[in-house]
Protein backbone atom coordinates (compact mmCIF):
# COMPACT_ATOMS: atom_id res chain seq x y z
CA UNK A 1 -51.81 -40.50 32.88
CA UNK A 2 -55.50 -39.74 32.70
CA UNK A 3 -56.46 -36.50 34.49
CA UNK A 4 -59.02 -38.14 36.77
CA UNK A 5 -56.48 -40.63 37.96
CA UNK A 6 -54.08 -37.80 38.79
CA UNK A 7 -56.75 -36.19 40.94
CA UNK A 8 -57.11 -39.38 42.94
CA UNK A 9 -53.41 -39.65 43.96
CA UNK A 10 -52.96 -40.16 47.68
CA UNK A 11 -50.97 -37.75 49.82
CA UNK A 12 -48.07 -40.23 50.28
CA UNK A 13 -47.77 -40.57 46.52
CA UNK A 14 -47.61 -36.81 46.06
CA UNK A 15 -44.92 -36.55 48.72
CA UNK A 16 -42.93 -39.26 46.98
CA UNK A 17 -43.12 -37.42 43.65
CA UNK A 18 -41.94 -34.18 45.27
CA UNK A 19 -38.96 -35.92 46.86
CA UNK A 20 -37.96 -37.39 43.51
CA UNK A 21 -38.23 -33.96 41.88
CA UNK A 22 -35.97 -32.33 44.53
CA UNK A 23 -33.39 -35.09 44.16
CA UNK A 24 -33.28 -34.55 40.37
CA UNK A 25 -32.76 -30.81 40.81
CA UNK A 26 -29.94 -31.40 43.25
CA UNK A 27 -28.26 -33.78 40.80
CA UNK A 28 -28.58 -31.20 38.00
CA UNK A 29 -27.07 -28.54 40.24
CA UNK A 30 -24.20 -30.79 41.21
CA UNK A 31 -23.53 -31.67 37.59
CA UNK A 32 -23.59 -27.99 36.65
CA UNK A 33 -21.16 -27.13 39.44
CA UNK A 34 -18.86 -29.94 38.36
CA UNK A 35 -18.98 -28.73 34.78
CA UNK A 36 -18.15 -25.22 35.92
CA UNK A 37 -15.28 -26.50 38.02
CA UNK A 38 -13.90 -28.40 35.01
CA UNK A 39 -14.14 -25.35 32.73
CA UNK A 40 -10.64 -24.10 32.02
CA UNK A 41 -10.89 -20.35 31.71
CA UNK A 42 -10.15 -18.85 28.29
CA UNK A 43 -11.14 -15.81 26.24
CA UNK A 44 -10.42 -17.31 22.84
CA UNK A 45 -10.12 -20.86 21.52
CA UNK A 46 -9.00 -21.73 17.99
CA UNK A 47 -9.51 -25.37 17.06
CA UNK A 48 -9.86 -27.76 14.14
CA UNK A 49 -6.75 -26.30 12.60
CA UNK A 50 -3.09 -26.96 11.92
CA UNK A 51 -0.94 -24.91 14.28
CA UNK A 52 2.72 -24.19 13.49
CA UNK A 53 4.18 -22.93 16.71
CA UNK A 54 7.79 -22.03 15.79
CA UNK A 55 8.59 -23.86 19.04
CA UNK A 56 11.09 -26.65 18.40
CA UNK A 57 9.81 -28.58 21.43
CA UNK A 58 6.27 -28.70 20.04
CA UNK A 59 6.35 -27.77 16.38
CA UNK A 60 2.69 -28.51 15.58
CA UNK A 61 -0.66 -28.65 17.35
CA UNK A 62 -4.39 -28.78 16.56
CA UNK A 63 -5.73 -26.07 18.84
CA UNK A 64 -4.70 -23.08 20.92
CA UNK A 65 -6.38 -21.02 23.64
CA UNK A 66 -5.66 -17.66 25.25
CA UNK A 67 -6.71 -15.74 28.35
CA UNK A 68 -5.96 -12.10 29.07
CA UNK A 69 -3.93 -11.81 25.88
CA UNK A 70 -1.57 -14.67 26.79
CA UNK A 71 -1.51 -18.26 25.56
CA UNK A 72 -2.86 -20.78 28.09
CA UNK A 73 -3.12 -23.93 25.97
CA UNK A 74 -1.43 -25.51 22.95
CA UNK A 75 -2.39 -29.05 22.05
CA UNK A 76 -4.99 -31.37 20.57
CA UNK A 77 -8.59 -30.69 19.62
CA UNK A 78 -9.72 -33.18 22.26
CA UNK A 79 -7.79 -31.56 25.08
CA UNK A 80 -8.95 -28.12 23.95
CA UNK A 81 -12.55 -29.01 24.74
CA UNK A 82 -12.14 -28.13 28.42
CA UNK A 83 -11.49 -24.52 27.32
CA UNK A 84 -14.62 -24.41 25.13
CA UNK A 85 -16.88 -23.29 27.91
CA UNK A 86 -17.96 -20.31 29.93
CA UNK A 87 -17.56 -17.00 28.11
CA UNK A 88 -14.80 -18.20 25.77
CA UNK A 89 -15.11 -17.28 22.12
CA UNK A 90 -14.66 -20.58 20.28
CA UNK A 91 -13.70 -20.44 16.60
CA UNK A 92 -13.76 -23.54 14.42
CA UNK A 93 -11.15 -22.76 11.78
CA UNK A 94 -12.28 -25.63 9.55
CA UNK A 95 -8.83 -26.71 8.52
CA UNK A 96 -7.25 -23.28 8.12
CA UNK A 97 -3.67 -22.85 9.37
CA UNK A 98 -2.47 -20.93 12.41
CA UNK A 99 1.09 -19.61 12.56
CA UNK A 100 2.96 -17.81 15.28
CA UNK A 101 2.33 -14.15 14.46
CA UNK A 102 4.38 -12.94 11.50
CA UNK A 103 6.86 -10.09 12.02
CA UNK A 104 8.22 -7.75 9.36
CA UNK A 105 11.72 -7.12 10.70
CA UNK A 106 12.40 -4.05 8.55
CA UNK A 107 9.70 -1.69 7.51
CA UNK A 108 8.81 2.01 7.36
CA UNK A 109 5.29 2.24 8.73
CA UNK A 110 4.46 5.83 7.84
CA UNK A 111 5.65 5.22 4.28
CA UNK A 112 3.41 2.16 4.00
CA UNK A 113 0.43 4.33 4.87
CA UNK A 114 1.53 7.23 2.69
CA UNK A 115 1.82 4.87 -0.28
CA UNK A 116 -1.96 4.56 -0.24
CA UNK A 117 -2.31 8.30 -0.91
CA UNK A 118 0.39 9.05 -3.53
CA UNK A 119 1.19 7.77 -7.01
CA UNK A 120 2.48 4.21 -6.99
CA UNK A 121 4.68 3.16 -9.90
CA UNK A 122 5.10 -0.45 -8.81
CA UNK A 123 4.52 -3.13 -11.41
CA UNK A 124 4.42 -0.98 -14.56
CA UNK A 125 5.85 -2.95 -17.47
CA UNK A 126 7.62 -0.29 -19.54
CA UNK A 127 9.41 3.03 -19.28
CA UNK A 128 6.91 4.51 -21.73
CA UNK A 129 3.95 3.43 -19.62
CA UNK A 130 5.67 4.74 -16.48
CA UNK A 131 6.16 8.18 -18.00
CA UNK A 132 2.55 8.18 -19.26
CA UNK A 133 1.33 7.28 -15.76
CA UNK A 134 3.33 10.14 -14.26
CA UNK A 135 1.93 12.47 -16.88
CA UNK A 136 -1.67 11.44 -16.18
CA UNK A 137 -1.13 11.96 -12.45
CA UNK A 138 0.61 15.31 -12.94
CA UNK A 139 -2.25 16.60 -15.10
CA UNK A 140 -4.44 16.67 -11.98
CA UNK A 141 -1.88 18.54 -9.86
CA UNK A 142 -2.28 22.36 -9.79
CA UNK A 143 0.62 24.49 -11.04
CA UNK A 144 3.06 25.18 -8.23
CA UNK A 145 2.14 22.05 -6.27
CA UNK A 146 4.50 19.08 -5.99
CA UNK A 147 4.07 16.00 -8.11
CA UNK A 148 4.97 13.07 -5.85
CA UNK A 149 5.04 9.30 -6.15
CA UNK A 150 7.28 6.31 -5.70
CA UNK A 151 8.16 2.83 -6.83
CA UNK A 152 9.67 2.85 -10.33
CA UNK A 153 12.15 0.07 -11.13
CA UNK A 154 13.92 0.43 -14.45
CA UNK A 155 15.23 -3.14 -14.56
CA UNK A 156 11.69 -4.50 -14.76
CA UNK A 157 10.83 -2.51 -17.88
CA UNK A 158 10.63 -4.41 -21.15
CA UNK A 159 11.35 -1.50 -23.53
CA UNK A 160 14.26 0.46 -21.98
CA UNK A 161 16.18 -0.26 -18.80
CA UNK A 162 17.65 3.07 -17.73
CA UNK A 163 17.16 5.54 -14.92
CA UNK A 164 14.49 8.18 -15.38
CA UNK A 165 15.67 11.74 -15.85
CA UNK A 166 14.30 15.25 -16.12
CA UNK A 167 13.99 15.00 -19.91
CA UNK A 168 11.31 12.33 -19.49
CA UNK A 169 9.00 14.60 -17.48
CA UNK A 170 9.94 18.26 -17.98
CA UNK A 171 7.55 18.73 -20.91
CA UNK A 172 4.46 18.24 -18.73
CA UNK A 173 5.78 19.49 -15.38
CA UNK A 174 7.31 22.84 -16.34
CA UNK A 175 5.39 24.66 -13.58
CA UNK A 176 5.17 21.78 -11.11
CA UNK A 177 8.15 20.54 -9.07
CA UNK A 178 8.47 16.75 -9.13
CA UNK A 179 10.04 14.34 -6.63
CA UNK A 180 9.68 10.58 -7.16
CA UNK A 181 11.93 8.13 -5.35
CA UNK A 182 12.91 4.92 -7.06
CA UNK A 183 11.52 1.76 -5.42
CA UNK A 184 14.65 1.48 -3.26
CA UNK A 185 14.00 4.89 -1.69
CA UNK A 186 17.71 5.73 -1.96
CA UNK A 187 17.57 7.46 -5.33
CA UNK A 188 14.99 9.63 -7.01
CA UNK A 189 13.78 11.41 -10.11
CA UNK A 190 13.46 15.19 -9.91
CA UNK A 191 12.55 17.63 -12.65
CA UNK A 192 14.02 20.98 -13.68
CA UNK A 193 11.49 22.93 -11.63
CA UNK A 194 12.47 21.05 -8.47
CA UNK A 195 16.16 21.70 -9.12
CA UNK A 196 15.42 25.37 -9.69
CA UNK A 197 13.64 25.60 -6.33
CA UNK A 198 16.45 23.69 -4.59
CA UNK A 199 19.16 25.84 -6.21
CA UNK A 200 20.84 22.80 -7.77
CA UNK A 201 22.95 23.66 -10.83
CA UNK A 202 25.95 22.19 -12.63
CA UNK A 203 28.13 24.10 -10.16
CA UNK A 204 26.51 22.43 -7.12
CA UNK A 205 28.97 19.96 -5.59
CA UNK A 206 27.94 16.43 -4.75
CA UNK A 207 27.17 16.10 -1.04
CA UNK A 208 29.02 13.67 1.21
CA UNK A 209 27.33 10.30 0.79
CA UNK A 210 25.36 11.25 -2.31
CA UNK A 211 25.58 12.23 -5.96
CA UNK A 212 23.82 14.20 -8.69
CA UNK A 213 23.99 12.30 -11.96
CA UNK A 214 25.30 14.68 -14.63
CA UNK A 215 25.79 15.23 -18.33
CA UNK A 216 29.37 15.47 -19.60
CA UNK A 217 29.34 19.24 -19.02
CA UNK A 218 28.22 18.79 -15.39
CA UNK A 219 24.54 19.59 -15.90
CA UNK A 220 22.40 17.51 -13.49
CA UNK A 221 20.19 15.01 -15.29
CA UNK A 222 17.49 14.88 -12.62
CA UNK A 223 18.51 11.49 -11.22
CA UNK A 224 19.83 11.92 -7.67
CA UNK A 225 21.29 9.42 -5.22
CA UNK A 226 21.22 9.08 -1.42
CA UNK A 227 22.18 12.28 0.43
CA UNK A 228 21.67 14.32 -2.74
CA UNK A 229 17.94 13.69 -2.19
CA UNK A 230 18.06 15.85 0.95
CA UNK A 231 18.22 19.03 -1.11
CA UNK A 232 14.70 18.27 -2.30
CA UNK A 233 13.27 16.71 0.84
CA UNK A 234 14.11 19.96 2.64
CA UNK A 235 11.86 22.01 0.35
CA UNK A 236 8.89 19.64 0.11
CA UNK A 237 5.68 21.05 1.59
CA UNK A 238 5.52 20.48 5.35
CA UNK A 239 3.32 17.58 6.45
CA UNK A 240 0.88 18.19 9.27
CA UNK A 241 0.62 15.93 12.29
CA UNK A 242 -2.86 14.95 11.16
CA UNK A 243 -1.54 13.89 7.76
CA UNK A 244 1.27 11.83 9.29
CA UNK A 245 -1.00 10.25 11.90
CA UNK A 246 -3.39 9.21 9.16
CA UNK A 247 -0.47 7.62 7.30
CA UNK A 248 0.47 5.64 10.42
CA UNK A 249 -3.10 4.44 10.95
CA UNK A 250 -3.36 3.44 7.30
CA UNK A 251 -0.07 1.56 7.58
CA UNK A 252 -1.22 -0.30 10.70
CA UNK A 253 -4.46 -1.38 9.05
CA UNK A 254 -2.74 -2.41 5.82
CA UNK A 255 -0.17 -4.48 7.68
CA UNK A 256 -2.75 -6.23 9.83
CA UNK A 257 -4.75 -7.15 6.74
CA UNK A 258 -1.70 -8.98 5.38
CA UNK A 259 -1.07 -10.92 8.58
CA UNK A 260 1.70 -8.93 10.28
CA UNK A 261 1.41 -8.96 14.07
CA UNK A 262 4.50 -6.80 14.53
CA UNK A 263 6.58 -4.56 12.30
CA UNK A 264 10.02 -3.29 13.19
CA UNK A 265 10.40 0.27 11.99
CA UNK A 266 13.87 1.12 10.75
CA UNK A 267 14.06 4.84 11.34
CA UNK A 268 11.00 6.34 13.05
CA UNK A 269 11.46 9.99 13.97
CA UNK A 270 10.50 11.29 17.39
CA UNK A 271 7.70 13.26 15.76
CA UNK A 272 6.21 9.99 14.52
CA UNK A 273 6.90 8.32 17.87
CA UNK A 274 4.77 10.98 19.55
CA UNK A 275 1.94 10.27 17.12
CA UNK A 276 2.31 6.53 17.70
CA UNK A 277 1.89 7.09 21.42
CA UNK A 278 -1.38 8.89 20.67
CA UNK A 279 -2.55 6.01 18.51
CA UNK A 280 -1.69 3.56 21.28
CA UNK A 281 -3.49 5.63 23.91
CA UNK A 282 -6.55 5.75 21.67
CA UNK A 283 -6.54 1.94 21.34
CA UNK A 284 -5.91 1.88 17.60
CA UNK A 285 -2.80 -0.31 17.44
CA UNK A 286 -3.63 -3.01 14.89
CA UNK A 287 -0.26 -4.66 15.48
CA UNK A 288 2.86 -4.25 17.60
CA UNK A 289 5.63 -1.85 16.57
CA UNK A 290 9.30 -2.03 17.52
CA UNK A 291 11.14 1.12 16.47
CA UNK A 292 14.61 2.52 15.97
CA UNK A 293 15.04 6.28 15.62
CA UNK A 294 17.17 7.75 12.78
CA UNK A 295 20.81 8.49 13.51
CA UNK A 296 20.11 12.21 13.03
CA UNK A 297 18.23 12.06 16.37
CA UNK A 298 20.72 9.79 18.12
CA UNK A 299 21.53 12.30 20.82
CA UNK A 300 17.90 12.53 21.82
CA UNK A 301 17.71 8.75 21.97
CA UNK A 302 20.78 8.62 24.17
CA UNK A 303 19.20 11.17 26.49
CA UNK A 304 15.73 9.60 26.65
CA UNK A 305 16.71 5.94 26.48
CA UNK A 306 14.37 3.07 25.72
CA UNK A 307 10.63 3.74 25.81
CA UNK A 308 7.99 1.00 25.90
CA UNK A 309 4.33 0.48 26.77
CA UNK A 310 3.20 -1.88 29.51
CA UNK A 311 1.42 -4.13 26.98
CA UNK A 312 4.51 -4.35 24.74
CA UNK A 313 2.56 -2.98 21.79
CA UNK A 314 5.09 -0.21 21.19
CA UNK A 315 8.81 -0.34 21.97
CA UNK A 316 11.51 2.19 21.05
CA UNK A 317 14.96 0.78 21.63
CA UNK A 318 17.40 1.38 18.79
CA UNK A 319 19.24 3.80 16.52
CA UNK A 320 19.06 3.37 12.74
CA UNK A 321 22.26 4.26 10.87
CA UNK A 322 22.64 4.73 7.11
CA UNK A 323 26.00 3.97 5.45
CA UNK A 324 25.81 3.17 1.71
CA UNK A 325 23.23 3.22 -1.08
CA UNK A 326 21.55 0.38 -2.95
CA UNK A 327 22.67 -2.12 -5.54
CA UNK A 328 20.02 -1.18 -8.08
CA UNK A 329 21.15 2.45 -8.19
CA UNK A 330 24.85 1.42 -8.07
CA UNK A 331 25.14 3.19 -4.75
CA UNK A 332 26.00 0.14 -2.63
CA UNK A 333 29.64 0.32 -1.50
CA UNK A 334 31.61 -2.55 -3.09
CA UNK A 335 35.21 -3.59 -2.47
CA UNK A 336 35.81 -3.81 -6.22
CA UNK A 337 34.16 -1.85 -9.01
CA UNK A 338 30.75 -2.76 -10.31
CA UNK A 339 30.90 -5.28 -13.12
CA UNK A 340 28.82 -2.89 -15.25
CA UNK A 341 30.37 0.44 -14.22
CA UNK A 342 33.71 2.10 -13.51
CA UNK A 343 33.14 2.87 -9.81
CA UNK A 344 32.49 0.96 -6.58
CA UNK A 345 29.60 2.92 -5.07
CA UNK A 346 29.79 5.22 -2.08
CA UNK A 347 29.63 5.25 1.69
CA UNK A 348 29.51 8.02 4.27
CA UNK A 349 25.81 8.68 4.43
CA UNK A 350 27.00 8.58 8.03
CA UNK A 351 30.77 9.00 8.44
CA UNK A 352 32.90 6.97 10.80
CA UNK A 353 33.77 10.15 12.71
CA UNK A 354 30.08 10.82 13.30
CA UNK A 355 29.22 7.24 14.17
CA UNK A 356 31.90 6.09 16.61
CA UNK A 357 30.87 8.33 19.56
CA UNK A 358 27.31 7.07 19.08
CA UNK A 359 28.49 3.47 19.20
CA UNK A 360 30.48 4.12 22.38
CA UNK A 361 27.51 5.74 24.11
CA UNK A 362 25.14 2.99 22.94
CA UNK A 363 27.34 0.32 24.50
CA UNK A 364 27.25 2.19 27.79
CA UNK A 365 23.49 2.74 27.70
CA UNK A 366 22.22 -0.53 26.22
CA UNK A 367 20.97 0.94 22.96
CA UNK A 368 20.60 -1.34 19.95
CA UNK A 369 22.29 -0.31 16.69
CA UNK A 370 20.70 -1.07 13.31
CA UNK A 371 22.85 -0.16 10.31
CA UNK A 372 21.91 0.00 6.63
CA UNK A 373 24.71 -1.75 4.72
CA UNK A 374 24.36 -3.48 1.37
CA UNK A 375 27.70 -3.73 -0.43
CA UNK A 376 30.59 -5.91 0.78
CA UNK A 377 32.74 -2.83 1.45
CA UNK A 378 30.04 -1.33 3.67
CA UNK A 379 29.51 -4.64 5.47
CA UNK A 380 33.23 -5.08 6.15
CA UNK A 381 33.66 -1.48 7.27
CA UNK A 382 30.80 -1.73 9.75
CA UNK A 383 32.08 -4.99 11.16
CA UNK A 384 35.40 -3.21 11.69
CA UNK A 385 33.70 -0.24 13.34
CA UNK A 386 31.52 -2.40 15.58
CA UNK A 387 34.62 -4.35 16.67
CA UNK A 388 36.56 -1.14 17.25
CA UNK A 389 33.77 0.14 19.50
CA UNK A 390 33.65 -3.16 21.40
CA UNK A 391 37.39 -2.89 22.07
CA UNK A 392 37.36 0.82 22.91
CA UNK A 393 34.72 0.70 25.63
CA UNK A 394 35.78 -1.49 28.60
CA UNK A 395 33.38 -4.40 29.18
CA UNK A 396 32.89 -3.17 32.71
CA UNK A 397 31.20 -0.08 31.26
CA UNK A 398 28.79 -1.94 28.96
CA UNK A 399 25.15 -1.84 30.04
CA UNK A 400 24.82 -5.44 28.86
CA UNK A 401 26.88 -7.99 26.97
CA UNK A 402 23.75 -9.04 25.09
CA UNK A 403 24.01 -6.37 22.38
CA UNK A 404 22.11 -7.82 19.41
CA UNK A 405 23.41 -5.09 17.12
CA UNK A 406 22.04 -5.55 13.65
CA UNK A 407 22.99 -5.01 10.04
CA UNK A 408 20.05 -4.17 7.83
CA UNK A 409 19.99 -5.66 4.29
CA UNK A 410 23.60 -6.96 4.34
CA UNK A 411 23.14 -8.31 0.84
CA UNK A 412 26.73 -9.10 -0.15
CA UNK A 413 28.78 -10.86 2.54
CA UNK A 414 32.04 -12.66 1.67
CA UNK A 415 32.51 -15.92 3.63
CA UNK A 416 35.23 -14.46 5.86
CA UNK A 417 32.89 -11.69 6.92
CA UNK A 418 30.02 -14.11 7.45
CA UNK A 419 32.09 -15.69 10.20
CA UNK A 420 32.69 -12.28 11.75
CA UNK A 421 28.93 -11.91 12.20
CA UNK A 422 29.14 -15.00 14.40
CA UNK A 423 32.21 -13.84 16.31
CA UNK A 424 30.85 -10.34 16.96
CA UNK A 425 27.28 -11.44 17.71
CA UNK A 426 25.83 -9.32 14.88
CA UNK A 427 22.34 -10.15 13.61
CA UNK A 428 21.66 -10.06 9.85
CA UNK A 429 18.32 -8.38 9.10
CA UNK A 430 17.57 -9.29 5.49
CA UNK A 431 14.70 -8.94 3.02
CA UNK A 432 14.11 -12.01 0.84
CA UNK A 433 12.08 -9.98 -1.65
CA UNK A 434 15.13 -7.80 -2.37
CA UNK A 435 16.95 -10.85 -3.69
CA UNK A 436 14.27 -11.96 -6.11
CA UNK A 437 13.75 -8.37 -7.25
CA UNK A 438 17.47 -7.91 -7.75
CA UNK A 439 17.52 -10.95 -10.03
CA UNK A 440 16.89 -8.47 -12.83
CA UNK A 441 20.17 -6.63 -12.36
CA UNK A 442 22.39 -8.24 -9.68
CA UNK A 443 24.21 -10.55 -12.16
CA UNK A 444 25.18 -7.51 -14.24
CA UNK A 445 26.12 -5.41 -11.22
CA UNK A 446 28.12 -8.08 -9.37
CA UNK A 447 29.38 -10.65 -11.86
CA UNK A 448 29.58 -14.39 -11.32
CA UNK A 449 32.03 -14.51 -8.39
CA UNK A 450 30.22 -12.10 -6.08
CA UNK A 451 26.87 -13.77 -6.77
CA UNK A 452 28.13 -16.79 -4.85
CA UNK A 453 27.90 -14.83 -1.60
CA UNK A 454 25.05 -12.45 -2.42
CA UNK A 455 21.90 -12.88 -0.34
CA UNK A 456 23.60 -15.89 1.30
CA UNK A 457 20.77 -16.99 3.57
CA UNK A 458 21.57 -20.68 3.92
CA UNK A 459 25.29 -19.97 4.36
CA UNK A 460 24.44 -17.74 7.31
CA UNK A 461 22.02 -20.26 8.81
CA UNK A 462 24.65 -22.99 8.46
CA UNK A 463 26.90 -20.83 10.65
CA UNK A 464 24.24 -20.74 13.34
CA UNK A 465 23.02 -17.20 12.64
CA UNK A 466 19.42 -16.11 13.08
CA UNK A 467 18.20 -14.16 10.05
CA UNK A 468 15.55 -11.52 10.77
CA UNK A 469 13.36 -11.45 7.65
CA UNK A 470 11.50 -8.35 6.56
CA UNK A 471 10.26 -6.51 3.50
CA UNK A 472 11.59 -2.91 3.64
CA UNK A 473 8.10 -1.75 2.67
CA UNK A 474 7.25 0.61 1.02
CA UNK A 475 10.41 -0.22 -0.97
CA UNK A 476 8.80 -3.64 -1.55
CA UNK A 477 5.18 -4.71 -1.36
CA UNK A 478 5.43 -5.64 2.32
CA UNK A 479 3.58 -8.95 1.91
CA UNK A 480 4.55 -11.91 4.14
CA UNK A 481 3.58 -14.33 1.37
CA UNK A 482 6.19 -12.80 -0.94
CA UNK A 483 8.87 -12.84 1.76
CA UNK A 484 8.14 -16.49 2.62
CA UNK A 485 8.08 -17.49 -1.05
CA UNK A 486 11.29 -15.62 -1.83
CA UNK A 487 13.14 -17.28 1.04
CA UNK A 488 12.17 -20.83 0.04
CA UNK A 489 11.98 -20.54 -3.77
CA UNK A 490 14.66 -17.90 -4.47
CA UNK A 491 13.11 -17.19 -7.85
CA UNK A 492 11.09 -14.43 -9.42
CA UNK A 493 7.40 -14.56 -8.58
CA UNK A 494 6.77 -16.40 -11.85
CA UNK A 495 9.20 -19.13 -10.83
CA UNK A 496 12.06 -18.13 -13.15
CA UNK A 497 15.61 -17.25 -12.15
CA UNK A 498 18.82 -17.29 -14.13
CA UNK A 499 22.28 -18.74 -14.51
CA UNK A 500 24.50 -18.50 -11.48
CA UNK A 501 21.74 -17.52 -9.08
CA UNK A 502 22.64 -20.20 -6.53
CA UNK A 503 19.35 -21.88 -5.65
CA UNK A 504 21.20 -23.75 -2.90
CA UNK A 505 21.18 -20.53 -0.88
CA UNK A 506 17.40 -20.77 -0.44
CA UNK A 507 16.18 -22.02 2.93
CA UNK A 508 13.70 -24.66 4.09
CA UNK A 509 10.14 -23.71 4.93
CA UNK A 510 10.82 -24.38 8.59
CA UNK A 511 13.71 -21.92 8.50
CA UNK A 512 11.65 -19.37 6.57
CA UNK A 513 8.97 -19.56 9.24
CA UNK A 514 11.52 -18.93 11.98
CA UNK A 515 12.86 -15.99 9.95
CA UNK A 516 9.40 -14.42 10.12
CA UNK A 517 8.45 -15.35 13.70
CA UNK A 518 10.82 -16.37 16.48
CA UNK A 519 14.03 -14.94 15.12
CA UNK A 520 12.63 -11.40 14.65
CA UNK A 521 11.38 -11.59 18.24
CA UNK A 522 14.97 -12.35 19.26
CA UNK A 523 16.11 -9.37 17.20
CA UNK A 524 13.84 -7.19 19.34
CA UNK A 525 14.78 -8.78 22.71
CA UNK A 526 11.24 -10.22 22.85
CA UNK A 527 11.73 -13.96 22.37
CA UNK A 528 10.41 -14.60 25.89
CA UNK A 529 7.27 -12.59 25.14
CA UNK A 530 6.31 -13.54 21.60
CA UNK A 531 7.53 -15.09 18.36
CA UNK A 532 6.33 -18.63 19.05
CA UNK A 533 3.12 -20.26 20.25
CA UNK A 534 3.98 -21.28 23.79
CA UNK A 535 2.08 -21.09 27.06
CA UNK A 536 2.72 -17.75 28.74
CA UNK A 537 3.61 -15.83 25.58
CA UNK A 538 1.40 -13.24 23.91
CA UNK A 539 -1.41 -14.68 21.81
CA UNK A 540 -0.15 -13.30 18.48
CA UNK A 541 -1.37 -15.44 15.56
CA UNK A 542 -1.52 -15.23 11.78
CA UNK A 543 -4.23 -17.42 10.22
CA UNK A 544 -4.03 -18.43 6.55
CA UNK A 545 -6.49 -20.34 4.43
CA UNK A 546 -3.74 -22.70 3.23
CA UNK A 547 -0.85 -24.55 4.83
CA UNK A 548 2.18 -22.59 3.65
CA UNK A 549 4.41 -25.40 4.89
CA UNK A 550 3.07 -28.04 2.50
CA UNK A 551 1.35 -26.47 -0.52
CA UNK A 552 3.19 -26.06 -3.86
CA UNK A 553 5.49 -23.02 -3.85
CA UNK A 554 3.44 -21.12 -6.42
CA UNK A 555 0.31 -21.46 -4.27
CA UNK A 556 1.99 -19.60 -1.40
CA UNK A 557 1.50 -16.36 -3.32
CA UNK A 558 -2.26 -16.85 -3.80
CA UNK A 559 -3.02 -17.92 -0.23
CA UNK A 560 -5.09 -15.52 1.85
CA UNK A 561 -4.66 -14.15 5.33
CA UNK A 562 -7.95 -14.93 7.03
CA UNK A 563 -7.35 -13.49 10.48
CA UNK A 564 -4.75 -11.50 12.41
CA UNK A 565 -4.74 -11.81 16.19
CA UNK A 566 -2.60 -9.63 18.46
CA UNK A 567 -2.64 -10.16 22.20
CA UNK A 568 -5.71 -12.37 21.88
CA UNK A 569 -7.67 -9.69 20.00
CA UNK A 570 -8.71 -10.03 16.38
CA UNK A 571 -7.36 -6.99 14.53
CA UNK A 572 -8.27 -8.22 11.05
CA UNK A 573 -10.71 -10.82 9.76
CA UNK A 574 -11.83 -11.76 6.26
């Protein structure tokens, strides 16, 4: 319109224009109000993704939304649009894959953090290189200070496959005590200086539930098993609270970076529990923790009972019991002798006499029991002891009939005892990575017959049992990719296995996912809170760049965790 024409508009025309302008504003306001009314409130929306929910009623989805830390929507990208409004943080995942948050059902959090600060011997190819690595590390340790590390595995060495001993290290550690657990954490290398400080000689008797390996004349070799390690742990330099708290924080961050949204700690002392409460109060929990205290502090647990936080980030509910050793160190308690040795391992890291009163009290107080058992003799004994406790305490005195007592590792389970797990309601808590690591020695240790029921995942699933999958880190790497791969491939990481390894005992990817999500939540009495992507549950998600359910098995190991979300909050992001 020309300016002069605008100046000549009549008053009625101006009034008409004003009325039209007001009507337009009113329409805009109404549309805005309608839009606001149609905005479904959410804090976080993840869309354009493949969602695996671990919920059998809705196994997959395209998008998910959360509000106040809880899931409010699971469905299609189209239906998710009503949540993409207001103050919601909307993340286009561009085809990445969302899983119900992964749980490590058996871990040692402080050890995971400590591993970042001490010598790691994982993955070294030869004995010679291992000794050289120890020597290089020891050279930087002042005389009188302890040389510490962890993670050696003799069966992975390509030159010699034997246990380390003092003769390997004494020449460069004469004035420095040395303590280095094997990868399993149930045996260790010590040097002559350490034995001198501990007062261990050829006249020192083996402790109950442990052993000093010896020369023919009784002289200790420096390889010690199970409870024999205590003589050296007792004289290690004391660790400050600050040092331990830093280990816990490091462990939390490391776990979150791998995609764990919860770890279940199998033996967290009350000292560490106090530090964890500080970390929680300070808002530094990168993932949830479910803890059992060691049997040595069982009485305190029975007095204090379960302890949990209102946000379910930290929960202390169980007692961790230790019975036998490990297969790799020939400490696992077998019914028959080892196929490559003249003994059948040992038990009694905790004796029956010590344990039974604890079991009775736990039944009466609703305390969960988690027991380290590996060999078939240990498994059978504990099933007997659990059953004896069930029968001794009248049902009327039980705090609950929903016990969910667990057996940790449970690597060798004859078929008759597998059925007893079902009958007694015992949960197997197993580490798939142990099986593929043990490929290097289990055939020699067990022989052909026992291999048929070693690491029998699919046999247990076929009986209706829920397997709680974990890593036992720092014994293993503690990587969910490895645990998932091991469960579905049942081979070494390079794809190889061996004769008689029973590939039919591997599980499907769907089962493996349940082993790392919903079933661990059940093992912690939390299946109504987490473990699957369902409306009302905590928004705990693990986001990978690839679809672990469909990609080739080998590609599972090279996939990347892109994001870890706990209670609707991003605790790690690439």
